[in-house]
Amino acid sequence: MAKSNRTALITGSGRNIGRGCAAHLATLGFNVVINGSSNQKNCERVADEVRAAGTDAMIAMADCGDQTQVEEMAASAIKKFGRIDVLIHNAAIRPGAPFLEMSDTDLDQVMRVNTYAAVWLSRAALPGMIEAGWGRIINFTGMNAQRGSGGRPHVTMSKHAVVGLTKALAREFGPKGVTSNVISPGTFPGEGDNAAHGSLDKLLADVPVGRLGESDDIAALVAYLCGPYGGFVNGQLLQVNGGVEM
């Protein structure tokens, strides 16, 4: 695939769903900014995959809960590639805590990583998208957040806020050529949100299609949204869960 001269910044892209998105977008010709908070070796492996597809990669290690680090990451990406054409906020933390035991410190940290980072990054990327007349913003929520997950109220709050942010951006910037959508993944082995829910057999029993998710299930949807035919999908909550939530 020929280079598109467009760049995607993907938070939490050192493994799992984020890695899959990076690999798929590289096959479409996108340069990719790969982000992780601690494991640089994982990010380097993803960067090698992107470069093997014939596009450029940049590693940006940053804690998405730290506004300064997030803004510096975005600025570095724009300095290297000119602008951020696709913004995918995939990084998230999901600590457990009953509501009456949830501290303000924990609430603040969850909101910063899961929600505020999407705000900071969108603020940094949107001017370039508007100037180009084209952009894609993709955020993530989750089934447990949609249902109202007992024992993790701060996570549910943060993920609902991301849906609201996405819809607001879709309405305001759709006329500028920038679409914004939010994806809700189902059960994906290896993703932290599913680790506390028991054995894979128990998880599988709840999925009508009879299998658990794979990173390519999400990455293919991301590639569609960022491809030539995805521009009429805007402001949507897109569920990829095998039918668990309908």
C-alpha atoms as a PDB file:
ATOM      1  CA  MET A   1       0.000   0.000   0.000  1.00  0.00           C
ATOM      2  CA  ALA A   2       1.383   3.409  -0.942  1.00  0.00           C
ATOM      3  CA  LYS A   3       1.993   5.892   1.824  1.00  0.00           C
ATOM      4  CA  SER A   4      -0.944   8.128   2.618  1.00  0.00           C
ATOM      5  CA  ASN A   5       1.230  10.892   4.120  1.00  0.00           C
ATOM      6  CA  ARG A   6      -1.136  10.799   7.073  1.00  0.00           C
ATOM      7  CA  THR A   7      -0.248  10.072  10.675  1.00  0.00           C
ATOM      8  CA  ALA A   8      -2.074   8.238  13.449  1.00  0.00           C
ATOM      9  CA  LEU A   9      -1.333   8.695  17.140  1.00  0.00           C
ATOM     10  CA  ILE A  10      -2.504   5.716  19.197  1.00  0.00           C
ATOM     11  CA  THR A  11      -2.275   5.719  22.966  1.00  0.00           C
ATOM     12  CA  GLY A  12      -1.685   2.405  24.662  1.00  0.00           C
ATOM     13  CA  SER A  13      -0.367   0.899  21.438  1.00  0.00           C
ATOM     14  CA  GLY A  14       2.409  -1.301  22.783  1.00  0.00           C
ATOM     15  CA  ARG A  15       0.163  -4.381  22.955  1.00  0.00           C
ATOM     16  CA  ASN A  16      -3.252  -5.927  22.355  1.00  0.00           C
ATOM     17  CA  ILE A  17      -5.898  -3.732  20.699  1.00  0.00           C
ATOM     18  CA  GLY A  18      -3.611  -0.727  20.347  1.00  0.00           C
ATOM     19  CA  ARG A  19      -0.942  -2.810  18.668  1.00  0.00           C
ATOM     20  CA  GLY A  20      -3.494  -4.254  16.265  1.00  0.00           C
ATOM     21  CA  CYS A  21      -4.701  -0.778  15.321  1.00  0.00           C
ATOM     22  CA  ALA A  22      -1.138   0.339  14.654  1.00  0.00           C
ATOM     23  CA  ALA A  23      -0.456  -2.650  12.414  1.00  0.00           C
ATOM     24  CA  HIS A  24      -3.675  -2.234  10.408  1.00  0.00           C
ATOM     25  CA  LEU A  25      -3.232   1.484   9.879  1.00  0.00           C
ATOM     26  CA  ALA A  26       0.351   0.938   8.760  1.00  0.00           C
ATOM     27  CA  THR A  27      -0.942  -1.357   5.998  1.00  0.00           C
ATOM     28  CA  LEU A  28      -3.146   1.556   4.866  1.00  0.00           C
ATOM     29  CA  GLY A  29      -0.061   3.750   4.605  1.00  0.00           C
ATOM     30  CA  PHE A  30      -0.364   5.699   7.843  1.00  0.00           C
ATOM     31  CA  ASN A  31       2.672   6.737   9.818  1.00  0.00           C
ATOM     32  CA  VAL A  32       2.079   5.758  13.444  1.00  0.00           C
ATOM     33  CA  VAL A  33       2.976   7.372  16.751  1.00  0.00           C
ATOM     34  CA  ILE A  34       3.189   4.517  19.248  1.00  0.00           C
ATOM     35  CA  ASN A  35       2.579   5.271  22.901  1.00  0.00           C
ATOM     36  CA  GLY A  36       3.172   3.353  26.077  1.00  0.00           C
ATOM     37  CA  SER A  37       3.685   4.371  29.681  1.00  0.00           C
ATOM     38  CA  SER A  38       6.400   1.959  30.785  1.00  0.00           C
ATOM     39  CA  ASN A  39       7.281  -0.942  28.463  1.00  0.00           C
ATOM     40  CA  GLN A  40       9.403   0.574  25.727  1.00  0.00           C
ATOM     41  CA  LYS A  41      10.444  -2.825  24.365  1.00  0.00           C
ATOM     42  CA  ASN A  42       6.841  -3.608  23.458  1.00  0.00           C
ATOM     43  CA  CYS A  43       6.557  -0.261  21.716  1.00  0.00           C
ATOM     44  CA  GLU A  44       9.758  -0.914  19.804  1.00  0.00           C
ATOM     45  CA  ARG A  45       8.362  -4.213  18.538  1.00  0.00           C
ATOM     46  CA  VAL A  46       5.237  -2.463  17.293  1.00  0.00           C
ATOM     47  CA  ALA A  47       7.381   0.217  15.656  1.00  0.00           C
ATOM     48  CA  ASP A  48       9.257  -2.526  13.804  1.00  0.00           C
ATOM     49  CA  GLU A  49       5.926  -3.911  12.525  1.00  0.00           C
ATOM     50  CA  VAL A  50       4.876  -0.486  11.297  1.00  0.00           C
ATOM     51  CA  ARG A  51       8.167   0.113   9.501  1.00  0.00           C
ATOM     52  CA  ALA A  52       8.017  -3.350   7.955  1.00  0.00           C
ATOM     53  CA  ALA A  53       4.726  -2.283   6.332  1.00  0.00           C
ATOM     54  CA  GLY A  54       6.600   0.554   4.631  1.00  0.00           C
ATOM     55  CA  THR A  55       5.601   3.532   6.749  1.00  0.00           C
ATOM     56  CA  ASP A  56       7.307   5.531   9.480  1.00  0.00           C
ATOM     57  CA  ALA A  57       6.962   5.035  13.222  1.00  0.00           C
ATOM     58  CA  MET A  58       7.680   7.191  16.237  1.00  0.00           C
ATOM     59  CA  ILE A  59       7.759   5.971  19.832  1.00  0.00           C
ATOM     60  CA  ALA A  60       6.379   8.409  22.396  1.00  0.00           C
ATOM     61  CA  MET A  61       6.608   7.117  25.940  1.00  0.00           C
ATOM     62  CA  ALA A  62       4.186   9.095  28.106  1.00  0.00           C
ATOM     63  CA  ASP A  63       1.863   8.664  31.060  1.00  0.00           C
ATOM     64  CA  CYS A  64      -1.592   9.589  29.783  1.00  0.00           C
ATOM     65  CA  GLY A  65      -2.548  10.784  33.252  1.00  0.00           C
ATOM     66  CA  ASP A  66       0.075  13.530  33.113  1.00  0.00           C
ATOM     67  CA  GLN A  67      -1.096  16.544  31.114  1.00  0.00           C
ATOM     68  CA  THR A  68       2.411  17.844  30.471  1.00  0.00           C
ATOM     69  CA  GLN A  69       3.589  14.484  29.131  1.00  0.00           C
ATOM     70  CA  VAL A  70       0.497  14.115  26.946  1.00  0.00           C
ATOM     71  CA  GLU A  71       0.858  17.588  25.463  1.00  0.00           C
ATOM     72  CA  GLU A  72       4.574  17.073  24.861  1.00  0.00           C
ATOM     73  CA  MET A  73       3.831  13.765  23.103  1.00  0.00           C
ATOM     74  CA  ALA A  74       1.338  15.457  20.790  1.00  0.00           C
ATOM     75  CA  ALA A  75       3.707  18.352  20.109  1.00  0.00           C
ATOM     76  CA  SER A  76       6.534  15.944  19.248  1.00  0.00           C
ATOM     77  CA  ALA A  77       4.307  14.036  16.856  1.00  0.00           C
ATOM     78  CA  ILE A  78       3.202  17.231  15.125  1.00  0.00           C
ATOM     79  CA  LYS A  79       6.796  18.455  14.911  1.00  0.00           C
ATOM     80  CA  LYS A  80       7.896  15.213  13.245  1.00  0.00           C
ATOM     81  CA  PHE A  81       4.955  14.549  10.934  1.00  0.00           C
ATOM     82  CA  GLY A  82       3.311  17.949  10.485  1.00  0.00           C
ATOM     83  CA  ARG A  83      -0.004  17.041  12.092  1.00  0.00           C
ATOM     84  CA  ILE A  84      -2.001  14.241  13.684  1.00  0.00           C
ATOM     85  CA  ASP A  85      -4.630  13.023  11.207  1.00  0.00           C
ATOM     86  CA  VAL A  86      -5.983  10.129  13.266  1.00  0.00           C
ATOM     87  CA  LEU A  87      -6.216  10.231  17.041  1.00  0.00           C
ATOM     88  CA  ILE A  88      -7.033   6.978  18.836  1.00  0.00           C
ATOM     89  CA  HIS A  89      -7.249   7.149  22.619  1.00  0.00           C
ATOM     90  CA  ASN A  90      -7.025   3.536  23.716  1.00  0.00           C
ATOM     91  CA  ALA A  91      -5.008   3.821  26.942  1.00  0.00           C
ATOM     92  CA  ALA A  92      -7.014   3.275  30.115  1.00  0.00           C
ATOM     93  CA  ILE A  93      -6.736   2.175  33.717  1.00  0.00           C
ATOM     94  CA  ARG A  94      -9.440   0.132  35.467  1.00  0.00           C
ATOM     95  CA  PRO A  95      -8.758  -0.153  39.212  1.00  0.00           C
ATOM     96  CA  GLY A  96     -11.355  -1.765  41.401  1.00  0.00           C
ATOM     97  CA  ALA A  97     -12.926  -0.004  44.383  1.00  0.00           C
ATOM     98  CA  PRO A  98     -16.427  -0.011  45.874  1.00  0.00           C
ATOM     99  CA  PHE A  99     -18.019   3.442  45.750  1.00  0.00           C
ATOM    100  CA  LEU A 100     -17.766   4.134  49.468  1.00  0.00           C
ATOM    101  CA  GLU A 101     -14.084   3.156  49.443  1.00  0.00           C
ATOM    102  CA  MET A 102     -13.143   5.110  46.313  1.00  0.00           C
ATOM    103  CA  SER A 103     -10.683   7.879  47.141  1.00  0.00           C
ATOM    104  CA  ASP A 104     -10.627  11.261  45.452  1.00  0.00           C
ATOM    105  CA  THR A 105      -7.054  10.521  44.415  1.00  0.00           C
ATOM    106  CA  ASP A 106      -8.116   7.319  42.626  1.00  0.00           C
ATOM    107  CA  LEU A 107     -11.055   9.071  40.989  1.00  0.00           C
ATOM    108  CA  ASP A 108      -8.834  11.876  39.745  1.00  0.00           C
ATOM    109  CA  GLN A 109      -6.241   9.492  38.307  1.00  0.00           C
ATOM    110  CA  VAL A 110      -8.844   7.391  36.470  1.00  0.00           C
ATOM    111  CA  MET A 111     -10.465  10.492  35.005  1.00  0.00           C
ATOM    112  CA  ARG A 112      -7.117  11.902  33.927  1.00  0.00           C
ATOM    113  CA  VAL A 113      -6.011   8.765  32.062  1.00  0.00           C
ATOM    114  CA  ASN A 114      -9.353   7.633  30.679  1.00  0.00           C
ATOM    115  CA  THR A 115     -11.059  10.945  29.930  1.00  0.00           C
ATOM    116  CA  TYR A 116      -8.920  14.053  30.298  1.00  0.00           C
ATOM    117  CA  ALA A 117      -6.193  12.614  28.077  1.00  0.00           C
ATOM    118  CA  ALA A 118      -8.764  12.363  25.270  1.00  0.00           C
ATOM    119  CA  VAL A 119      -9.540  16.050  25.823  1.00  0.00           C
ATOM    120  CA  TRP A 120      -5.889  17.101  25.858  1.00  0.00           C
ATOM    121  CA  LEU A 121      -5.054  15.104  22.753  1.00  0.00           C
ATOM    122  CA  SER A 122      -8.116  16.254  20.823  1.00  0.00           C
ATOM    123  CA  ARG A 123      -7.263  19.859  21.651  1.00  0.00           C
ATOM    124  CA  ALA A 124      -3.773  19.323  20.256  1.00  0.00           C
ATOM    125  CA  ALA A 125      -4.794  17.411  17.122  1.00  0.00           C
ATOM    126  CA  LEU A 126      -7.897  19.282  15.994  1.00  0.00           C
ATOM    127  CA  PRO A 127      -6.268  22.448  14.596  1.00  0.00           C
ATOM    128  CA  GLY A 128      -4.274  20.398  12.089  1.00  0.00           C
ATOM    129  CA  MET A 129      -7.283  18.261  11.205  1.00  0.00           C
ATOM    130  CA  ILE A 130      -9.412  21.348  10.607  1.00  0.00           C
ATOM    131  CA  GLU A 131      -6.738  22.937   8.450  1.00  0.00           C
ATOM    132  CA  ALA A 132      -6.481  19.756   6.364  1.00  0.00           C
ATOM    133  CA  GLY A 133     -10.270  19.350   6.169  1.00  0.00           C
ATOM    134  CA  TRP A 134      -9.920  15.724   7.273  1.00  0.00           C
ATOM    135  CA  GLY A 135      -9.491  13.944  10.577  1.00  0.00           C
ATOM    136  CA  ARG A 136     -10.567  10.950  12.608  1.00  0.00           C
ATOM    137  CA  ILE A 137     -10.963  10.785  16.384  1.00  0.00           C
ATOM    138  CA  ILE A 138     -11.661   7.374  17.903  1.00  0.00           C
ATOM    139  CA  ASN A 139     -12.150   6.819  21.619  1.00  0.00           C
ATOM    140  CA  PHE A 140     -12.956   3.701  23.629  1.00  0.00           C
ATOM    141  CA  THR A 141     -15.579   2.817  26.197  1.00  0.00           C
ATOM    142  CA  GLY A 142     -16.533  -0.685  27.385  1.00  0.00           C
ATOM    143  CA  MET A 143     -19.424  -3.032  28.074  1.00  0.00           C
ATOM    144  CA  ASN A 144     -18.987  -2.867  31.821  1.00  0.00           C
ATOM    145  CA  ALA A 145     -19.112   0.913  31.714  1.00  0.00           C
ATOM    146  CA  GLN A 146     -22.307   0.803  29.655  1.00  0.00           C
ATOM    147  CA  ARG A 147     -23.949  -1.583  32.099  1.00  0.00           C
ATOM    148  CA  GLY A 148     -22.778   0.234  35.202  1.00  0.00           C
ATOM    149  CA  SER A 149     -19.989  -1.850  36.652  1.00  0.00           C
ATOM    150  CA  GLY A 150     -20.341  -2.438  40.392  1.00  0.00           C
ATOM    151  CA  GLY A 151     -17.044  -2.093  42.207  1.00  0.00           C
ATOM    152  CA  ARG A 152     -15.500   0.320  39.696  1.00  0.00           C
ATOM    153  CA  PRO A 153     -17.674   3.450  39.680  1.00  0.00           C
ATOM    154  CA  HIS A 154     -14.831   5.760  38.690  1.00  0.00           C
ATOM    155  CA  VAL A 155     -14.127   3.656  35.592  1.00  0.00           C
ATOM    156  CA  THR A 156     -17.793   3.708  34.615  1.00  0.00           C
ATOM    157  CA  MET A 157     -17.920   7.485  35.078  1.00  0.00           C
ATOM    158  CA  SER A 158     -14.794   8.044  33.013  1.00  0.00           C
ATOM    159  CA  LYS A 159     -15.965   5.864  30.148  1.00  0.00           C
ATOM    160  CA  HIS A 160     -19.412   7.467  30.024  1.00  0.00           C
ATOM    161  CA  ALA A 161     -17.706  10.862  29.896  1.00  0.00           C
ATOM    162  CA  VAL A 162     -15.696   9.729  26.886  1.00  0.00           C
ATOM    163  CA  VAL A 163     -18.924   8.899  25.046  1.00  0.00           C
ATOM    164  CA  GLY A 164     -20.257  12.380  25.761  1.00  0.00           C
ATOM    165  CA  LEU A 165     -17.022  14.002  24.654  1.00  0.00           C
ATOM    166  CA  THR A 166     -17.030  12.006  21.421  1.00  0.00           C
ATOM    167  CA  LYS A 167     -20.585  13.025  20.555  1.00  0.00           C
ATOM    168  CA  ALA A 168     -19.830  16.674  21.275  1.00  0.00           C
ATOM    169  CA  LEU A 169     -16.771  16.579  19.013  1.00  0.00           C
ATOM    170  CA  ALA A 170     -18.744  14.803  16.282  1.00  0.00           C
ATOM    171  CA  ARG A 171     -21.385  17.526  16.291  1.00  0.00           C
ATOM    172  CA  GLU A 172     -18.965  20.447  16.406  1.00  0.00           C
ATOM    173  CA  PHE A 173     -16.257  19.273  14.038  1.00  0.00           C
ATOM    174  CA  GLY A 174     -18.112  17.016  11.616  1.00  0.00           C
ATOM    175  CA  PRO A 175     -18.731  20.048   9.355  1.00  0.00           C
ATOM    176  CA  LYS A 176     -14.950  20.550   9.276  1.00  0.00           C
ATOM    177  CA  GLY A 177     -14.313  17.070   7.880  1.00  0.00           C
ATOM    178  CA  VAL A 178     -13.428  15.531  11.248  1.00  0.00           C
ATOM    179  CA  THR A 179     -15.424  12.496  12.408  1.00  0.00           C
ATOM    180  CA  SER A 180     -15.478  11.276  15.998  1.00  0.00           C
ATOM    181  CA  ASN A 181     -16.643   7.845  17.120  1.00  0.00           C
ATOM    182  CA  VAL A 182     -16.363   5.652  20.176  1.00  0.00           C
ATOM    183  CA  ILE A 183     -15.805   1.883  20.150  1.00  0.00           C
ATOM    184  CA  SER A 184     -16.999  -0.472  22.881  1.00  0.00           C
ATOM    185  CA  PRO A 185     -15.018  -3.734  22.810  1.00  0.00           C
ATOM    186  CA  GLY A 186     -16.397  -6.987  24.126  1.00  0.00           C
ATOM    187  CA  THR A 187     -14.369  -9.703  25.803  1.00  0.00           C
ATOM    188  CA  PHE A 188     -10.795  -9.793  24.596  1.00  0.00           C
ATOM    189  CA  PRO A 189      -8.312 -12.141  26.309  1.00  0.00           C
ATOM    190  CA  GLY A 190      -5.309 -10.213  27.523  1.00  0.00           C
ATOM    191  CA  GLU A 191      -7.146  -6.924  27.998  1.00  0.00           C
ATOM    192  CA  GLY A 192      -7.023  -5.805  31.624  1.00  0.00           C
ATOM    193  CA  ASP A 193     -10.749  -5.130  31.826  1.00  0.00           C
ATOM    194  CA  ASN A 194     -11.517  -8.837  31.522  1.00  0.00           C
ATOM    195  CA  ALA A 195      -8.936 -10.262  33.876  1.00  0.00           C
ATOM    196  CA  ALA A 196     -11.172 -10.195  36.948  1.00  0.00           C
ATOM    197  CA  HIS A 197     -14.179 -11.879  35.391  1.00  0.00           C
ATOM    198  CA  GLY A 198     -13.173 -15.496  35.691  1.00  0.00           C
ATOM    199  CA  SER A 199     -12.079 -18.233  33.321  1.00  0.00           C
ATOM    200  CA  LEU A 200     -12.190 -17.896  29.566  1.00  0.00           C
ATOM    201  CA  ASP A 201     -14.764 -20.694  29.419  1.00  0.00           C
ATOM    202  CA  LYS A 202     -17.116 -18.685  31.621  1.00  0.00           C
ATOM    203  CA  LEU A 203     -16.593 -15.576  29.501  1.00  0.00           C
ATOM    204  CA  LEU A 204     -17.120 -17.527  26.291  1.00  0.00           C
ATOM    205  CA  ALA A 205     -20.491 -18.822  27.476  1.00  0.00           C
ATOM    206  CA  ASP A 206     -21.907 -15.291  27.316  1.00  0.00           C
ATOM    207  CA  VAL A 207     -20.904 -14.624  23.691  1.00  0.00           C
ATOM    208  CA  PRO A 208     -23.572 -15.535  21.090  1.00  0.00           C
ATOM    209  CA  VAL A 209     -21.082 -15.903  18.229  1.00  0.00           C
ATOM    210  CA  GLY A 210     -19.216 -18.565  20.196  1.00  0.00           C
ATOM    211  CA  ARG A 211     -15.777 -17.029  20.399  1.00  0.00           C
ATOM    212  CA  LEU A 212     -13.890 -14.316  22.218  1.00  0.00           C
ATOM    213  CA  GLY A 213     -12.635 -11.171  20.543  1.00  0.00           C
ATOM    214  CA  GLU A 214      -9.308 -10.705  18.799  1.00  0.00           C
ATOM    215  CA  SER A 215      -7.428  -7.461  18.356  1.00  0.00           C
ATOM    216  CA  ASP A 216      -8.015  -7.647  14.609  1.00  0.00           C
ATOM    217  CA  ASP A 217     -11.779  -7.413  15.200  1.00  0.00           C
ATOM    218  CA  ILE A 218     -11.290  -3.902  16.559  1.00  0.00           C
ATOM    219  CA  ALA A 219      -8.396  -2.964  14.305  1.00  0.00           C
ATOM    220  CA  ALA A 220     -10.355  -3.773  11.147  1.00  0.00           C
ATOM    221  CA  LEU A 221     -13.152  -1.451  12.265  1.00  0.00           C
ATOM    222  CA  VAL A 222     -10.622   1.282  13.010  1.00  0.00           C
ATOM    223  CA  ALA A 223      -9.107   0.793   9.562  1.00  0.00           C
ATOM    224  CA  TYR A 224     -12.569   1.138   8.008  1.00  0.00           C
ATOM    225  CA  LEU A 225     -13.303   4.350   9.910  1.00  0.00           C
ATOM    226  CA  CYS A 226      -9.965   5.775   8.799  1.00  0.00           C
ATOM    227  CA  GLY A 227     -10.237   4.501   5.228  1.00  0.00           C
ATOM    228  CA  PRO A 228     -11.900   5.940   2.136  1.00  0.00           C
ATOM    229  CA  TYR A 229     -15.417   4.730   3.032  1.00  0.00           C
ATOM    230  CA  GLY A 230     -15.594   5.582   6.728  1.00  0.00           C
ATOM    231  CA  GLY A 231     -16.354   9.275   6.499  1.00  0.00           C
ATOM    232  CA  PHE A 232     -20.140   9.008   6.899  1.00  0.00           C
ATOM    233  CA  VAL A 233     -19.897   7.289  10.295  1.00  0.00           C
ATOM    234  CA  ASN A 234     -19.867  10.049  12.893  1.00  0.00           C
ATOM    235  CA  GLY A 235     -20.867  10.375  16.542  1.00  0.00           C
ATOM    236  CA  GLN A 236     -21.574   6.655  16.912  1.00  0.00           C
ATOM    237  CA  LEU A 237     -21.075   4.157  19.713  1.00  0.00           C
ATOM    238  CA  LEU A 238     -19.885   1.077  17.815  1.00  0.00           C
ATOM    239  CA  GLN A 239     -20.129  -2.200  19.727  1.00  0.00           C
ATOM    240  CA  VAL A 240     -17.731  -5.031  18.852  1.00  0.00           C
ATOM    241  CA  ASN A 241     -18.665  -7.745  21.299  1.00  0.00           C
ATOM    242  CA  GLY A 242     -20.057 -10.778  19.471  1.00  0.00           C
ATOM    243  CA  GLY A 243     -23.579  -9.943  20.585  1.00  0.00           C
ATOM    244  CA  VAL A 244     -23.109  -9.806  24.353  1.00  0.00           C
ATOM    245  CA  GLU A 245     -24.521  -6.282  24.388  1.00  0.00           C
ATOM    246  CA  MET A 246     -27.067  -5.364  21.701  1.00  0.00           C
END
